Amino acid sequence: MISKVGQIMLYVNNQDAAKAFWTEKVGFTVIAEEDNGQGMRWIEVGPTGAATSIVLQNKELVAKMEPDMNLGTPSLMFFTDNVDQLYADLSNKNVKVGEVVSMPSGEKVFNFADDEENYFAVMEKK
């Protein structure tokens, strides 16, 4: 039986740029960085102490190894305690952000894009 979501694979064109985006702009930390010595490299990033992390994989290499694999961007919803503060912080770091929207349930949400135009959402959960 599955007990939790462990890792989410994010297939990117430039792993170093993606690592810089997630650590320098979003504030994640590098949990692990591995290279098998045969061209396969992965970088695990995530919020400090989170149970789930994102693994940055080389999209081109994975496509060659597994031609039938879906390499599209997963639809991820992140949670924050303060949408307005995070929105301002990302905006100040020149991250492409969408409009803050108030949901009928009262939560505020917005989306943002990484440097490869992959979009993600953030919702305020207190």
N, C-alpha and C. Protein backbone atom coordinates (compact mmCIF):
# COMPACT_ATOMS: atom_id res chain seq x y z
N MET A 1 0.84 -1.18 0.00
CA MET A 1 0.00 0.00 0.00
C MET A 1 0.89 1.25 0.00
N ILE A 2 0.51 2.24 -0.77
CA ILE A 2 1.28 3.49 -0.84
C ILE A 2 0.98 4.33 0.40
N SER A 3 2.05 4.87 1.01
CA SER A 3 1.86 5.64 2.23
C SER A 3 2.10 7.14 2.06
N LYS A 4 2.83 7.55 1.00
CA LYS A 4 3.06 8.98 0.76
C LYS A 4 3.65 9.18 -0.62
N VAL A 5 3.61 10.41 -1.10
CA VAL A 5 4.27 10.76 -2.35
C VAL A 5 5.72 11.09 -2.00
N GLY A 6 6.65 10.37 -2.59
CA GLY A 6 8.06 10.56 -2.25
C GLY A 6 8.75 11.59 -3.12
N GLN A 7 8.79 11.33 -4.43
CA GLN A 7 9.48 12.23 -5.35
C GLN A 7 8.62 12.45 -6.59
N ILE A 8 8.78 13.62 -7.17
CA ILE A 8 8.13 13.96 -8.42
C ILE A 8 9.23 14.24 -9.43
N MET A 9 9.19 13.55 -10.56
CA MET A 9 10.20 13.74 -11.59
C MET A 9 9.81 14.93 -12.46
N LEU A 10 10.74 15.84 -12.61
CA LEU A 10 10.54 17.00 -13.47
C LEU A 10 11.62 16.94 -14.54
N TYR A 11 11.21 16.75 -15.78
CA TYR A 11 12.15 16.59 -16.89
C TYR A 11 12.44 17.97 -17.48
N VAL A 12 13.72 18.36 -17.45
CA VAL A 12 14.12 19.71 -17.84
C VAL A 12 15.20 19.65 -18.91
N ASN A 13 15.32 20.74 -19.66
CA ASN A 13 16.33 20.84 -20.71
C ASN A 13 17.69 21.19 -20.15
N ASN A 14 17.73 21.96 -19.07
CA ASN A 14 19.00 22.41 -18.49
C ASN A 14 18.95 22.21 -16.98
N GLN A 15 19.56 21.15 -16.51
CA GLN A 15 19.50 20.82 -15.09
C GLN A 15 20.14 21.88 -14.20
N ASP A 16 21.25 22.45 -14.63
CA ASP A 16 21.91 23.47 -13.81
C ASP A 16 21.06 24.72 -13.68
N ALA A 17 20.45 25.15 -14.78
CA ALA A 17 19.57 26.31 -14.73
C ALA A 17 18.34 26.03 -13.88
N ALA A 18 17.79 24.82 -14.01
CA ALA A 18 16.62 24.44 -13.21
C ALA A 18 16.98 24.41 -11.72
N LYS A 19 18.15 23.87 -11.40
CA LYS A 19 18.62 23.84 -10.01
C LYS A 19 18.73 25.26 -9.47
N ALA A 20 19.31 26.16 -10.25
CA ALA A 20 19.44 27.56 -9.83
C ALA A 20 18.07 28.19 -9.62
N PHE A 21 17.13 27.93 -10.51
CA PHE A 21 15.78 28.48 -10.37
C PHE A 21 15.14 28.04 -9.05
N TRP A 22 15.12 26.73 -8.82
CA TRP A 22 14.43 26.20 -7.64
C TRP A 22 15.12 26.59 -6.33
N THR A 23 16.44 26.71 -6.34
CA THR A 23 17.14 27.05 -5.09
C THR A 23 17.25 28.56 -4.89
N GLU A 24 17.63 29.30 -5.92
CA GLU A 24 17.86 30.73 -5.77
C GLU A 24 16.59 31.57 -5.81
N LYS A 25 15.62 31.17 -6.60
CA LYS A 25 14.40 31.96 -6.74
C LYS A 25 13.25 31.46 -5.88
N VAL A 26 13.08 30.15 -5.81
CA VAL A 26 11.95 29.58 -5.05
C VAL A 26 12.34 29.31 -3.60
N GLY A 27 13.62 29.11 -3.33
CA GLY A 27 14.07 28.91 -1.95
C GLY A 27 14.18 27.46 -1.51
N PHE A 28 14.11 26.52 -2.45
CA PHE A 28 14.29 25.12 -2.11
C PHE A 28 15.76 24.86 -1.80
N THR A 29 16.02 23.71 -1.19
CA THR A 29 17.40 23.29 -0.94
C THR A 29 17.70 22.05 -1.77
N VAL A 30 18.97 21.84 -2.03
CA VAL A 30 19.40 20.62 -2.73
C VAL A 30 19.47 19.51 -1.69
N ILE A 31 18.70 18.47 -1.90
CA ILE A 31 18.67 17.33 -0.99
C ILE A 31 19.74 16.32 -1.39
N ALA A 32 19.87 16.11 -2.68
CA ALA A 32 20.88 15.18 -3.20
C ALA A 32 21.19 15.56 -4.64
N GLU A 33 22.40 15.25 -5.04
CA GLU A 33 22.82 15.44 -6.43
C GLU A 33 23.68 14.24 -6.79
N GLU A 34 23.23 13.49 -7.77
CA GLU A 34 23.89 12.23 -8.12
C GLU A 34 24.25 12.20 -9.60
N ASP A 35 25.32 11.51 -9.91
CA ASP A 35 25.76 11.28 -11.28
C ASP A 35 26.26 9.85 -11.33
N ASN A 36 25.67 9.03 -12.20
CA ASN A 36 26.06 7.62 -12.23
C ASN A 36 27.34 7.37 -13.02
N GLY A 37 27.96 8.43 -13.54
CA GLY A 37 29.20 8.30 -14.28
C GLY A 37 29.01 7.85 -15.72
N GLN A 38 27.78 7.62 -16.12
CA GLN A 38 27.47 7.19 -17.48
C GLN A 38 26.52 8.17 -18.15
N GLY A 39 26.53 9.41 -17.70
CA GLY A 39 25.70 10.44 -18.31
C GLY A 39 24.38 10.70 -17.60
N MET A 40 23.97 9.81 -16.72
CA MET A 40 22.70 10.00 -16.01
C MET A 40 22.96 10.78 -14.73
N ARG A 41 22.39 11.96 -14.67
CA ARG A 41 22.56 12.85 -13.51
C ARG A 41 21.18 13.28 -13.05
N TRP A 42 20.99 13.37 -11.76
CA TRP A 42 19.73 13.87 -11.23
C TRP A 42 20.01 14.74 -10.02
N ILE A 43 19.12 15.71 -9.84
CA ILE A 43 19.25 16.67 -8.74
C ILE A 43 17.93 16.69 -8.00
N GLU A 44 17.97 16.37 -6.72
CA GLU A 44 16.76 16.35 -5.89
C GLU A 44 16.69 17.65 -5.09
N VAL A 45 15.59 18.38 -5.24
CA VAL A 45 15.38 19.65 -4.54
C VAL A 45 14.03 19.63 -3.85
N GLY A 46 13.88 20.48 -2.84
CA GLY A 46 12.59 20.59 -2.17
C GLY A 46 12.64 21.57 -1.03
N PRO A 47 11.47 21.87 -0.48
CA PRO A 47 11.43 22.72 0.71
C PRO A 47 12.11 21.98 1.87
N THR A 48 12.77 22.70 2.72
CA THR A 48 13.45 22.10 3.87
C THR A 48 12.45 21.31 4.72
N GLY A 49 12.76 20.05 4.96
CA GLY A 49 11.93 19.21 5.81
C GLY A 49 10.69 18.62 5.17
N ALA A 50 10.46 18.87 3.90
CA ALA A 50 9.25 18.36 3.24
C ALA A 50 9.37 16.86 2.99
N ALA A 51 8.24 16.18 3.00
CA ALA A 51 8.22 14.73 2.75
C ALA A 51 8.34 14.42 1.27
N THR A 52 7.96 15.35 0.41
CA THR A 52 8.00 15.14 -1.03
C THR A 52 9.02 16.08 -1.65
N SER A 53 9.77 15.58 -2.63
CA SER A 53 10.78 16.39 -3.29
C SER A 53 10.59 16.31 -4.80
N ILE A 54 11.30 17.18 -5.51
CA ILE A 54 11.30 17.20 -6.96
C ILE A 54 12.68 16.74 -7.42
N VAL A 55 12.70 15.83 -8.39
CA VAL A 55 13.95 15.36 -8.95
C VAL A 55 14.06 15.92 -10.37
N LEU A 56 15.10 16.72 -10.59
CA LEU A 56 15.34 17.33 -11.89
C LEU A 56 16.11 16.33 -12.76
N GLN A 57 15.45 15.88 -13.81
CA GLN A 57 16.03 14.89 -14.71
C GLN A 57 16.32 15.53 -16.07
N ASN A 58 17.31 15.02 -16.77
CA ASN A 58 17.68 15.48 -18.10
C ASN A 58 16.66 14.95 -19.11
N LYS A 59 15.83 15.85 -19.63
CA LYS A 59 14.74 15.46 -20.52
C LYS A 59 15.24 14.75 -21.78
N GLU A 60 16.28 15.27 -22.39
CA GLU A 60 16.80 14.68 -23.64
C GLU A 60 17.31 13.26 -23.40
N LEU A 61 18.06 13.07 -22.34
CA LEU A 61 18.62 11.75 -22.04
C LEU A 61 17.52 10.74 -21.71
N VAL A 62 16.56 11.14 -20.91
CA VAL A 62 15.46 10.23 -20.56
C VAL A 62 14.65 9.87 -21.80
N ALA A 63 14.45 10.84 -22.70
CA ALA A 63 13.70 10.57 -23.94
C ALA A 63 14.42 9.53 -24.79
N LYS A 64 15.74 9.56 -24.80
CA LYS A 64 16.51 8.56 -25.56
C LYS A 64 16.42 7.19 -24.91
N MET A 65 16.44 7.16 -23.58
CA MET A 65 16.40 5.88 -22.85
C MET A 65 15.01 5.26 -22.85
N GLU A 66 13.99 6.10 -22.74
CA GLU A 66 12.60 5.65 -22.63
C GLU A 66 11.73 6.45 -23.60
N PRO A 67 11.76 6.12 -24.90
CA PRO A 67 11.06 6.92 -25.91
C PRO A 67 9.54 7.05 -25.69
N ASP A 68 8.93 6.12 -25.01
CA ASP A 68 7.47 6.16 -24.81
C ASP A 68 7.06 6.88 -23.52
N MET A 69 8.04 7.34 -22.74
CA MET A 69 7.72 7.98 -21.46
C MET A 69 7.12 9.38 -21.68
N ASN A 70 6.11 9.71 -20.90
CA ASN A 70 5.53 11.05 -20.94
C ASN A 70 6.46 11.99 -20.19
N LEU A 71 7.06 12.93 -20.90
CA LEU A 71 8.01 13.86 -20.31
C LEU A 71 7.41 15.24 -20.08
N GLY A 72 6.08 15.33 -20.14
CA GLY A 72 5.41 16.61 -19.90
C GLY A 72 5.55 17.05 -18.46
N THR A 73 5.30 18.32 -18.24
CA THR A 73 5.40 18.90 -16.90
C THR A 73 4.23 18.44 -16.04
N PRO A 74 4.50 17.91 -14.85
CA PRO A 74 3.39 17.52 -13.97
C PRO A 74 2.66 18.77 -13.47
N SER A 75 1.38 18.63 -13.23
CA SER A 75 0.60 19.74 -12.70
C SER A 75 0.74 19.73 -11.18
N LEU A 76 1.55 20.65 -10.67
CA LEU A 76 1.85 20.67 -9.23
C LEU A 76 1.20 21.87 -8.56
N MET A 77 0.65 21.63 -7.38
CA MET A 77 0.08 22.68 -6.54
C MET A 77 0.90 22.71 -5.26
N PHE A 78 1.58 23.82 -5.04
CA PHE A 78 2.34 24.02 -3.82
C PHE A 78 1.49 24.78 -2.82
N PHE A 79 1.78 24.65 -1.53
CA PHE A 79 1.08 25.39 -0.49
C PHE A 79 2.04 26.37 0.16
N THR A 80 1.50 27.50 0.59
CA THR A 80 2.27 28.51 1.31
C THR A 80 1.39 29.08 2.42
N ASP A 81 2.03 29.63 3.44
CA ASP A 81 1.29 30.30 4.51
C ASP A 81 0.96 31.73 4.16
N ASN A 82 1.67 32.31 3.18
CA ASN A 82 1.48 33.72 2.84
C ASN A 82 1.65 33.93 1.35
N VAL A 83 0.56 33.85 0.61
CA VAL A 83 0.58 34.02 -0.84
C VAL A 83 1.13 35.38 -1.24
N ASP A 84 0.69 36.43 -0.56
CA ASP A 84 1.11 37.77 -0.95
C ASP A 84 2.62 37.97 -0.83
N GLN A 85 3.18 37.45 0.24
CA GLN A 85 4.62 37.58 0.45
C GLN A 85 5.39 36.77 -0.60
N LEU A 86 4.96 35.54 -0.86
CA LEU A 86 5.62 34.70 -1.86
C LEU A 86 5.50 35.32 -3.25
N TYR A 87 4.32 35.84 -3.56
CA TYR A 87 4.09 36.49 -4.86
C TYR A 87 5.07 37.66 -5.05
N ALA A 88 5.20 38.49 -4.02
CA ALA A 88 6.10 39.64 -4.10
C ALA A 88 7.55 39.18 -4.23
N ASP A 89 7.92 38.15 -3.47
CA ASP A 89 9.28 37.64 -3.50
C ASP A 89 9.63 37.10 -4.89
N LEU A 90 8.75 36.27 -5.46
CA LEU A 90 9.00 35.73 -6.79
C LEU A 90 9.02 36.84 -7.85
N SER A 91 8.11 37.78 -7.74
CA SER A 91 8.08 38.91 -8.68
C SER A 91 9.38 39.70 -8.63
N ASN A 92 9.87 39.95 -7.42
CA ASN A 92 11.12 40.70 -7.25
C ASN A 92 12.32 39.95 -7.80
N LYS A 93 12.21 38.64 -7.94
CA LYS A 93 13.30 37.83 -8.50
C LYS A 93 13.08 37.56 -9.98
N ASN A 94 12.19 38.34 -10.60
CA ASN A 94 11.90 38.25 -12.03
C ASN A 94 11.37 36.90 -12.47
N VAL A 95 10.60 36.26 -11.59
CA VAL A 95 9.90 35.03 -11.95
C VAL A 95 8.58 35.43 -12.60
N LYS A 96 8.23 34.78 -13.68
CA LYS A 96 6.96 35.05 -14.36
C LYS A 96 5.83 34.53 -13.48
N VAL A 97 4.96 35.43 -13.01
CA VAL A 97 3.85 35.05 -12.13
C VAL A 97 2.53 35.49 -12.75
N GLY A 98 1.49 34.72 -12.46
CA GLY A 98 0.15 35.08 -12.89
C GLY A 98 -0.53 35.90 -11.82
N GLU A 99 -1.73 36.29 -12.08
CA GLU A 99 -2.52 37.10 -11.15
C GLU A 99 -2.92 36.28 -9.92
N VAL A 100 -2.95 36.93 -8.75
CA VAL A 100 -3.45 36.28 -7.54
C VAL A 100 -4.97 36.24 -7.64
N VAL A 101 -5.54 35.05 -7.48
CA VAL A 101 -6.98 34.86 -7.61
C VAL A 101 -7.52 34.34 -6.29
N SER A 102 -8.66 34.88 -5.86
CA SER A 102 -9.34 34.38 -4.67
C SER A 102 -10.33 33.31 -5.08
N MET A 103 -10.20 32.13 -4.50
CA MET A 103 -11.10 31.02 -4.81
C MET A 103 -12.41 31.20 -4.04
N PRO A 104 -13.49 30.57 -4.50
CA PRO A 104 -14.76 30.67 -3.78
C PRO A 104 -14.66 30.21 -2.33
N SER A 105 -13.72 29.29 -2.06
CA SER A 105 -13.56 28.77 -0.70
C SER A 105 -12.76 29.73 0.19
N GLY A 106 -12.24 30.82 -0.41
CA GLY A 106 -11.51 31.81 0.37
C GLY A 106 -10.00 31.77 0.21
N GLU A 107 -9.46 30.65 -0.30
CA GLU A 107 -8.02 30.59 -0.49
C GLU A 107 -7.59 31.46 -1.66
N LYS A 108 -6.35 31.95 -1.58
CA LYS A 108 -5.76 32.70 -2.69
C LYS A 108 -4.78 31.80 -3.40
N VAL A 109 -4.72 31.93 -4.73
CA VAL A 109 -3.86 31.09 -5.56
C VAL A 109 -3.27 31.91 -6.70
N PHE A 110 -2.08 31.54 -7.12
CA PHE A 110 -1.49 32.11 -8.34
C PHE A 110 -0.58 31.06 -8.97
N ASN A 111 -0.23 31.29 -10.24
CA ASN A 111 0.71 30.38 -10.88
C ASN A 111 2.00 31.11 -11.17
N PHE A 112 3.05 30.33 -11.40
CA PHE A 112 4.34 30.89 -11.76
C PHE A 112 5.01 29.94 -12.74
N ALA A 113 5.97 30.46 -13.49
CA ALA A 113 6.67 29.65 -14.48
C ALA A 113 8.15 29.62 -14.17
N ASP A 114 8.76 28.46 -14.43
CA ASP A 114 10.22 28.38 -14.31
C ASP A 114 10.82 28.96 -15.59
N ASP A 115 12.13 28.89 -15.71
CA ASP A 115 12.81 29.50 -16.85
C ASP A 115 12.57 28.76 -18.16
N GLU A 116 11.98 27.55 -18.09
CA GLU A 116 11.66 26.78 -19.30
C GLU A 116 10.16 26.87 -19.63
N GLU A 117 9.47 27.81 -18.98
CA GLU A 117 8.03 28.03 -19.21
C GLU A 117 7.15 26.88 -18.73
N ASN A 118 7.62 26.13 -17.74
CA ASN A 118 6.78 25.14 -17.07
C ASN A 118 6.02 25.87 -15.98
N TYR A 119 4.71 25.69 -15.93
CA TYR A 119 3.87 26.41 -14.97
C TYR A 119 3.49 25.55 -13.77
N PHE A 120 3.46 26.20 -12.62
CA PHE A 120 3.10 25.56 -11.36
C PHE A 120 2.16 26.51 -10.61
N ALA A 121 1.40 25.98 -9.66
CA ALA A 121 0.47 26.80 -8.89
C ALA A 121 0.84 26.80 -7.42
N VAL A 122 0.46 27.87 -6.74
CA VAL A 122 0.67 28.00 -5.30
C VAL A 122 -0.64 28.44 -4.66
N MET A 123 -1.03 27.77 -3.58
CA MET A 123 -2.25 28.13 -2.86
C MET A 123 -1.91 28.44 -1.41
N GLU A 124 -2.57 29.45 -0.88
CA GLU A 124 -2.38 29.79 0.53
C GLU A 124 -3.17 28.82 1.39
N LYS A 125 -2.47 28.12 2.26
CA LYS A 125 -3.10 27.19 3.20
C LYS A 125 -2.58 27.55 4.58
N LYS A 126 -3.46 27.94 5.46
CA LYS A 126 -3.04 28.33 6.81
C LYS A 126 -3.47 27.30 7.82
